[in-house]
Amino acid sequence: MTVKPILNANELAQEEALPKNTITNVSVDNLIFSMHEGKLKILLVKYNRGLAANKWGLIGHWVMMDENLEDAASRVVKQTTGVDNLYLDQLGAFGQVDRYPTRRIITVAFYSLVRFDETRLAMGNNAYEIEWFDVYNLPQLVFDHAEIIKSSLSNLKYKVHHEPIGFNLLPEKFTLLQLQEIYESILNSKLDKPNFRRKILKMNLLINCNEKQKNVAHRAAALFCFDKVVYEQLKQYGFNFEF
């Protein structure tokens, strides 16, 4: 495929007007994950202008000239979700020659984990819908965003076996079932309940809060929180959590 170095008049008309002081061929795309209704969900927007108009896609933006890549990704996530204290990590760069229809654009993808109850969603000027989707039941996506999501899920599946990242999706106090749902949602697989609980408790990562759920229709379950010292150690040195 021949890449067009300069846009013609028709292509310029379709292009989104770029903010001033931006790098015109480098963007960040954000995979914003959260747990809701027992499922791992990702936040998508439907764009209202440019080459992505009327299509669902990841939430991204151009990188400013004086902005680090991580700062650009963090800016987008915070403006969209209203969450300040979030887990943010770089997934990788996607720079296939034909990933964008009219010219060469390289995007750096970041993924973040946010607690659903803490989000206060806000759309940018270039979108008219924003919605959480089950990561395994997505609409048709613009450009190569489906490929980026697929790559991020592979990365998350590896991470949950070696880092305690799932806790970034949990409230401060949580049940063992809520924790198991995170692993099942990321791995897209049902886990044996007794085996999961035995192994997670053996890690000495959890502290029993000696409290139970309140105002629930079913039998109240015990609440746990994580040991911050052990949590930081596992974050730094990793572990091998096989089921």
Foldseek 3Di string as FASTA:
>chain_A
DDADADDDPVLVQQADDADPQFDPAEKEFEFEWADDPLAIKTKWFAFCGHPRHRFIFTFMHTHGNPHDPQRRRLVRCCQFWVDNDKDKDWLAKDFDQPLDPHHTHIYTYMYIYAAPVRGDGDDDPGTDDMDIDGLVDDDDHHRCRPVVSVSVLVVVLVCVQWAVVLCNRDDQKDAVSSSQSSNCNSVVHHDDVVVSVVQVVVLVFKDFPPDWDPDDPDDTGTIIGTDVVSNVVSRVGIDGHDD
